[in-house]
Amino acid sequence: MGDISVGQLGKIMAASKPTYFFGDEDEVNKEIKSSNWSTGDGKEFYPTTKPVSALTPGVYEIKNSQQRGAYFSKIPVNSEGLVKFNDSVFSSVIDEISKFWASEDIYRKFGLMYKRGILLYGPPGSGKTSLIQIIMTDVINRGGVVIKFDNPNYFPDGIRAFREIQPTTPVVVLMEDIEAIIEYWSESEVLNILDGVNRVNKVVFLSTTNYPEKLGARIVNRPSRFDKRFKVGHPSEESRKVYLDHLVSVGGKKVKIDVKKWVKDTENMSISHIKELFTAVVIIGDKYEDAIKTLRGMKEENPTSDDDKVNKIGFLGD
């Protein structure tokens, strides 16, 4: 998967329209030697570097330069060592999004906006990040892009330019920790994006939260904003074994652990807890009994009440 050359421009619109750029932040904000002309209407011409016809598949942020307007900045992504768990919720989410990508003709037939909203919720370290990486890898393999959403002010201009240039490219808009985004900006600004004020088609809005109780009913109980919500709980026995087997395989023959015992002892622990157990014992050299005792103590000192809180707003059973 190739990268966009630094400072390359995606498209320059006519003078009456905003100007959009694709490139790296440092390059966008410094003076660039022009080598081409670009025009939006055949009448007005702008000096530019070599333009590109499309963003390469990958993960991007929409940013803004006072000098040059909205632009896309590519984020390096390393999918090596990605662990695919066998939990039913993983399969359900992946199947849901796969069916969406295959249903474009049906959406068009009924005159519906071709977009989908998925909300993943659950305790920290439960595996939401792994699921997100799988979804990102899938859309990139489809020739699509992932846009990391963190600023509702930049998003409209950026996505408008993107759709003018690439009207059929699959897009996943990733809103990690959506409750924090809403707290920083405002619920109404985020809702305007989710409601399709800019009519963004062929897009999946994928959001995550560790604290669903902080989200109001206008977020959690409104299909067309988030059509499906999935609880990603602590990993099952099978998933814990898959993760430990993965860690052992990466370490090679030198790693010797009792996987069966570790799987049993880490019940109701998160992926983060299991990773720390492995790190403490295999890498740091702590005694297993001490390490597992420490992690259990952390769980007891900070008991989770996620399920009780979630139940109050009607999430259980989704």
Protein backbone atom coordinates (compact mmCIF):
# COMPACT_ATOMS: atom_id res chain seq x y z
CA MET A 1 0.00 0.00 0.00
CA GLY A 2 1.73 3.19 -1.20
CA ASP A 3 1.87 6.49 0.65
CA ILE A 4 0.90 9.85 -0.80
CA SER A 5 3.96 11.92 -1.58
CA VAL A 6 4.51 14.72 0.90
CA GLY A 7 2.70 17.90 -0.06
CA GLN A 8 0.72 16.43 -2.94
CA LEU A 9 -2.52 18.21 -3.63
CA GLY A 10 -5.77 16.38 -4.05
CA LYS A 11 -7.77 19.05 -5.88
CA ILE A 12 -8.06 22.79 -6.09
CA MET A 13 -11.59 24.03 -6.61
CA ALA A 14 -12.65 27.16 -8.49
CA ALA A 15 -11.97 30.51 -6.81
CA SER A 16 -15.54 30.75 -5.50
CA LYS A 17 -15.16 27.46 -3.65
CA PRO A 18 -12.94 26.37 -0.74
CA THR A 19 -9.50 24.96 -1.49
CA TYR A 20 -8.64 21.44 -0.35
CA PHE A 21 -5.32 19.69 0.03
CA PHE A 22 -4.06 16.18 0.71
CA GLY A 23 -0.72 15.93 2.41
CA ASP A 24 1.46 16.14 5.48
CA GLU A 25 0.89 18.91 8.06
CA ASP A 26 4.45 20.26 8.06
CA GLU A 27 4.58 20.27 4.28
CA VAL A 28 1.17 21.89 3.94
CA ASN A 29 2.17 24.79 6.17
CA LYS A 30 5.48 25.56 4.48
CA GLU A 31 6.23 27.10 1.14
CA ILE A 32 6.24 24.50 -1.63
CA LYS A 33 7.87 24.85 -5.02
CA SER A 34 5.15 24.61 -7.65
CA SER A 35 5.59 22.55 -10.77
CA ASN A 36 2.07 22.33 -12.24
CA TRP A 37 -1.08 24.34 -12.81
CA SER A 38 -4.47 23.32 -11.47
CA THR A 39 -7.87 24.67 -12.48
CA GLY A 40 -11.43 24.03 -11.42
CA ASP A 41 -13.22 25.80 -14.27
CA GLY A 42 -10.69 26.20 -17.09
CA LYS A 43 -10.57 29.95 -16.51
CA GLU A 44 -8.63 30.42 -13.33
CA PHE A 45 -5.36 28.57 -12.76
CA TYR A 46 -3.38 27.94 -9.59
CA PRO A 47 0.30 26.94 -9.23
CA THR A 48 0.61 23.62 -7.48
CA THR A 49 2.82 20.59 -7.01
CA LYS A 50 1.94 17.32 -8.73
CA PRO A 51 -1.73 16.53 -8.05
CA VAL A 52 -3.05 13.04 -7.28
CA SER A 53 -6.42 11.72 -8.39
CA ALA A 54 -7.23 9.80 -5.19
CA LEU A 55 -6.12 9.11 -1.66
CA THR A 56 -4.44 5.75 -1.36
CA PRO A 57 -6.25 3.30 0.94
CA GLY A 58 -5.31 3.95 4.56
CA VAL A 59 -6.13 5.89 7.71
CA TYR A 60 -6.36 9.69 7.71
CA GLU A 61 -7.13 12.71 9.86
CA ILE A 62 -8.85 15.80 8.49
CA LYS A 63 -6.89 18.91 9.43
CA ASN A 64 -6.96 22.56 8.52
CA SER A 65 -4.38 25.10 7.44
CA GLN A 66 -5.17 28.81 7.50
CA GLN A 67 -3.12 29.23 4.36
CA ARG A 68 -4.49 26.30 2.38
CA GLY A 69 -7.74 25.10 3.92
CA ALA A 70 -8.83 21.56 4.72
CA TYR A 71 -6.46 18.69 4.03
CA PHE A 72 -6.00 14.99 4.78
CA SER A 73 -3.02 13.78 6.82
CA LYS A 74 -2.15 10.10 6.58
CA ILE A 75 -1.61 8.13 9.79
CA PRO A 76 0.79 5.16 9.79
CA VAL A 77 -0.98 1.93 10.71
CA ASN A 78 0.68 -1.33 11.66
CA SER A 79 -1.65 -4.31 11.34
CA GLU A 80 1.06 -6.94 11.87
CA GLY A 81 0.30 -9.33 14.69
CA LEU A 82 -3.40 -8.53 14.60
CA VAL A 83 -5.29 -11.03 16.75
CA LYS A 84 -8.67 -12.18 15.47
CA PHE A 85 -10.81 -13.39 18.34
CA ASN A 86 -13.60 -15.91 17.89
CA ASP A 87 -16.14 -14.22 20.17
CA SER A 88 -19.63 -14.06 18.68
CA VAL A 89 -19.73 -10.27 19.02
CA PHE A 90 -16.65 -9.96 16.79
CA SER A 91 -18.31 -12.11 14.15
CA SER A 92 -21.59 -10.18 14.48
CA VAL A 93 -19.99 -6.78 13.99
CA ILE A 94 -17.83 -7.89 11.08
CA ASP A 95 -20.82 -9.61 9.43
CA GLU A 96 -22.99 -6.51 9.96
CA ILE A 97 -20.52 -4.25 8.18
CA SER A 98 -19.81 -6.77 5.42
CA LYS A 99 -23.53 -7.00 4.63
CA PHE A 100 -23.71 -3.22 4.52
CA TRP A 101 -20.94 -2.98 1.92
CA ALA A 102 -22.79 -5.57 -0.20
CA SER A 103 -26.14 -3.71 -0.05
CA GLU A 104 -25.46 -0.52 -2.00
CA ASP A 105 -27.87 -1.30 -4.82
CA ILE A 106 -30.71 -1.95 -2.37
CA TYR A 107 -30.10 1.34 -0.54
CA ARG A 108 -30.14 3.17 -3.86
CA LYS A 109 -33.31 1.39 -4.96
CA PHE A 110 -35.24 2.61 -1.92
CA GLY A 111 -33.74 6.09 -2.03
CA LEU A 112 -32.07 5.73 1.37
CA MET A 113 -28.82 7.31 2.47
CA TYR A 114 -26.17 4.67 2.11
CA LYS A 115 -24.72 4.94 5.61
CA ARG A 116 -24.61 2.87 8.78
CA GLY A 117 -23.87 3.66 12.42
CA ILE A 118 -22.27 1.11 14.76
CA LEU A 119 -21.61 1.73 18.46
CA LEU A 120 -19.23 -0.54 20.39
CA TYR A 121 -19.36 -0.30 24.17
CA GLY A 122 -17.85 -2.20 27.06
CA PRO A 123 -15.22 -2.02 29.79
CA PRO A 124 -11.69 -0.75 29.04
CA GLY A 125 -9.37 -3.37 27.61
CA SER A 126 -12.18 -5.65 26.46
CA GLY A 127 -10.97 -5.92 22.87
CA LYS A 128 -12.70 -3.02 21.15
CA THR A 129 -9.39 -1.83 19.72
CA SER A 130 -8.68 -5.24 18.18
CA LEU A 131 -12.13 -5.25 16.59
CA ILE A 132 -11.58 -1.75 15.23
CA GLN A 133 -8.27 -2.83 13.67
CA ILE A 134 -9.99 -5.73 11.94
CA ILE A 135 -12.66 -3.40 10.52
CA MET A 136 -10.04 -0.87 9.40
CA THR A 137 -8.00 -3.57 7.70
CA ASP A 138 -11.12 -4.82 5.92
CA VAL A 139 -12.13 -1.43 4.49
CA ILE A 140 -8.53 -0.69 3.43
CA ASN A 141 -8.44 -4.05 1.63
CA ARG A 142 -11.61 -2.94 -0.17
CA GLY A 143 -9.73 0.11 -1.44
CA GLY A 144 -11.37 2.38 1.11
CA VAL A 145 -10.19 4.84 3.72
CA VAL A 146 -10.64 5.34 7.45
CA ILE A 147 -11.12 8.89 8.74
CA LYS A 148 -10.34 9.43 12.41
CA PHE A 149 -12.93 11.91 13.65
CA ASP A 150 -11.88 14.39 16.33
CA ASN A 151 -13.05 17.79 15.14
CA PRO A 152 -16.62 18.45 13.90
CA ASN A 153 -15.53 21.81 12.49
CA TYR A 154 -13.05 20.33 10.02
CA PHE A 155 -15.06 17.26 9.07
CA PRO A 156 -17.76 18.83 6.79
CA ASP A 157 -15.35 20.60 4.44
CA GLY A 158 -12.97 17.66 4.39
CA ILE A 159 -15.56 14.98 3.65
CA ARG A 160 -17.26 17.21 1.07
CA ALA A 161 -14.01 17.59 -0.81
CA PHE A 162 -13.30 13.89 -0.49
CA ARG A 163 -16.67 12.93 -1.96
CA GLU A 164 -16.28 15.40 -4.83
CA ILE A 165 -13.00 13.74 -5.74
CA GLN A 166 -13.78 10.13 -4.75
CA PRO A 167 -17.57 9.62 -4.81
CA THR A 168 -17.52 5.81 -4.64
CA THR A 169 -14.71 5.02 -2.20
CA PRO A 170 -15.85 3.11 0.95
CA VAL A 171 -15.32 5.19 4.11
CA VAL A 172 -15.25 4.30 7.80
CA VAL A 173 -15.46 7.31 10.12
CA LEU A 174 -13.91 6.29 13.41
CA MET A 175 -15.15 8.07 16.56
CA GLU A 176 -13.14 6.56 19.41
CA ASP A 177 -14.32 7.48 22.92
CA ILE A 178 -17.32 9.34 21.56
CA GLU A 179 -18.32 10.51 25.04
CA ALA A 180 -15.04 12.46 25.26
CA ILE A 181 -15.63 14.00 21.81
CA ILE A 182 -19.09 15.16 22.90
CA GLU A 183 -17.78 16.56 26.19
CA TYR A 184 -15.04 18.50 24.42
CA TRP A 185 -17.19 19.88 21.63
CA SER A 186 -20.97 19.52 21.98
CA GLU A 187 -23.62 16.90 21.41
CA SER A 188 -25.38 19.00 18.78
CA GLU A 189 -22.24 19.36 16.66
CA VAL A 190 -21.66 15.60 16.69
CA LEU A 191 -25.35 14.90 16.00
CA ASN A 192 -25.24 17.12 12.91
CA ILE A 193 -22.51 14.89 11.51
CA LEU A 194 -24.34 11.65 12.40
CA ASP A 195 -27.63 12.95 11.01
CA GLY A 196 -26.07 13.37 7.61
CA VAL A 197 -26.37 17.14 7.34
CA ASN A 198 -23.71 16.90 4.66
CA ARG A 199 -25.30 13.79 3.14
CA VAL A 200 -22.27 11.54 3.26
CA ASN A 201 -22.99 8.29 1.44
CA LYS A 202 -21.17 4.95 1.42
CA VAL A 203 -19.94 5.43 4.96
CA VAL A 204 -19.92 3.53 8.25
CA PHE A 205 -19.76 5.62 11.40
CA LEU A 206 -17.96 3.42 13.92
CA SER A 207 -17.92 4.69 17.51
CA THR A 208 -16.63 3.31 20.78
CA THR A 209 -17.18 4.14 24.43
CA ASN A 210 -16.12 2.73 27.78
CA TYR A 211 -18.82 4.75 29.49
CA PRO A 212 -22.18 4.35 27.71
CA GLU A 213 -23.95 5.78 30.76
CA LYS A 214 -22.51 9.19 29.79
CA LEU A 215 -24.30 9.14 26.44
CA GLY A 216 -27.77 10.62 26.20
CA ALA A 217 -30.81 9.05 24.59
CA ARG A 218 -30.31 11.18 21.47
CA ILE A 219 -27.15 9.15 20.87
CA VAL A 220 -27.95 5.65 22.14
CA ASN A 221 -31.63 5.40 21.27
CA ARG A 222 -31.82 6.87 17.81
CA PRO A 223 -31.50 4.56 14.81
CA SER A 224 -30.03 6.31 11.77
CA ARG A 225 -27.43 7.76 14.12
CA PHE A 226 -26.34 4.45 15.61
CA ASP A 227 -28.37 1.68 14.02
CA LYS A 228 -26.73 -1.16 15.94
CA ARG A 229 -24.91 -1.29 19.26
CA PHE A 230 -22.74 -4.14 20.42
CA LYS A 231 -21.37 -4.86 23.87
CA VAL A 232 -17.74 -6.00 23.77
CA GLY A 233 -17.32 -7.64 27.16
CA HIS A 234 -14.37 -9.34 28.79
CA PRO A 235 -12.84 -11.99 26.52
CA SER A 236 -14.24 -15.50 26.70
CA GLU A 237 -12.21 -18.55 27.67
CA GLU A 238 -11.61 -19.33 24.01
CA SER A 239 -10.50 -15.77 23.25
CA ARG A 240 -8.13 -15.70 26.21
CA LYS A 241 -6.53 -18.88 24.91
CA VAL A 242 -6.26 -17.41 21.40
CA TYR A 243 -4.53 -14.33 22.79
CA LEU A 244 -2.11 -16.26 24.97
CA ASP A 245 -1.30 -18.66 22.13
CA HIS A 246 -0.56 -15.61 19.97
CA LEU A 247 1.81 -14.14 22.57
CA VAL A 248 3.61 -17.47 22.95
CA SER A 249 3.94 -17.88 19.17
CA VAL A 250 5.49 -14.42 18.85
CA GLY A 251 7.99 -15.24 21.56
CA GLY A 252 9.02 -18.52 19.98
CA LYS A 253 10.19 -21.73 21.63
CA LYS A 254 11.82 -19.90 24.54
CA VAL A 255 8.43 -18.95 25.99
CA LYS A 256 7.12 -21.65 28.31
CA ILE A 257 3.84 -21.00 30.14
CA ASP A 258 0.94 -23.14 31.30
CA VAL A 259 -1.64 -21.74 28.90
CA LYS A 260 -4.46 -23.82 30.37
CA LYS A 261 -3.80 -22.50 33.88
CA TRP A 262 -3.39 -18.94 32.70
CA VAL A 263 -6.69 -19.12 30.82
CA LYS A 264 -8.48 -20.35 33.94
CA ASP A 265 -6.86 -17.79 36.25
CA THR A 266 -7.67 -14.80 34.01
CA GLU A 267 -11.44 -15.27 33.96
CA ASN A 268 -13.24 -11.90 33.90
CA MET A 269 -9.99 -10.11 33.13
CA SER A 270 -9.48 -7.85 30.15
CA ILE A 271 -7.02 -8.20 27.29
CA SER A 272 -4.98 -5.47 28.99
CA HIS A 273 -4.78 -7.52 32.21
CA ILE A 274 -3.66 -10.62 30.31
CA LYS A 275 -1.04 -8.62 28.42
CA GLU A 276 0.31 -7.24 31.71
CA LEU A 277 0.41 -10.73 33.23
CA PHE A 278 2.46 -11.96 30.28
CA THR A 279 4.73 -8.91 30.42
CA ALA A 280 5.30 -9.21 34.16
CA VAL A 281 6.09 -12.93 34.12
CA VAL A 282 7.79 -13.54 30.78
CA ILE A 283 9.55 -10.22 30.18
CA ILE A 284 10.08 -8.64 33.60
CA GLY A 285 10.61 -11.98 35.35
CA ASP A 286 8.09 -11.67 38.20
CA LYS A 287 6.79 -14.81 39.82
CA TYR A 288 3.49 -15.92 38.33
CA GLU A 289 1.77 -16.13 41.73
CA ASP A 290 2.80 -12.58 42.59
CA ALA A 291 1.75 -11.20 39.22
CA ILE A 292 -1.69 -12.81 39.18
CA LYS A 293 -2.25 -11.73 42.79
CA THR A 294 -1.42 -8.13 41.90
CA LEU A 295 -3.85 -8.13 38.97
CA ARG A 296 -6.62 -9.66 41.06
CA GLY A 297 -5.99 -7.00 43.69
CA MET A 298 -6.38 -4.29 41.07
CA LYS A 299 -9.73 -5.79 40.05
CA GLU A 300 -10.93 -5.90 43.66
CA GLU A 301 -9.84 -2.33 44.39
CA ASN A 302 -11.61 -1.05 41.29
CA PRO A 303 -14.74 -3.16 40.89
CA THR A 304 -16.52 -2.52 37.65
CA SER A 305 -20.12 -1.43 37.70
CA ASP A 306 -20.45 -1.09 33.96
CA ASP A 307 -23.18 -3.67 33.66
CA ASP A 308 -25.31 -2.02 36.36
CA LYS A 309 -24.91 1.41 34.78
CA VAL A 310 -25.52 0.13 31.28
CA ASN A 311 -28.66 -1.67 32.36
CA LYS A 312 -30.20 1.61 33.52
CA ILE A 313 -30.18 3.00 29.98
CA GLY A 314 -31.38 -0.16 28.34
CA PHE A 315 -28.26 -1.51 26.70
CA LEU A 316 -28.29 -5.07 27.99
CA GLY A 317 -29.72 -7.57 25.57
CA ASP A 318 -28.80 -5.59 22.43
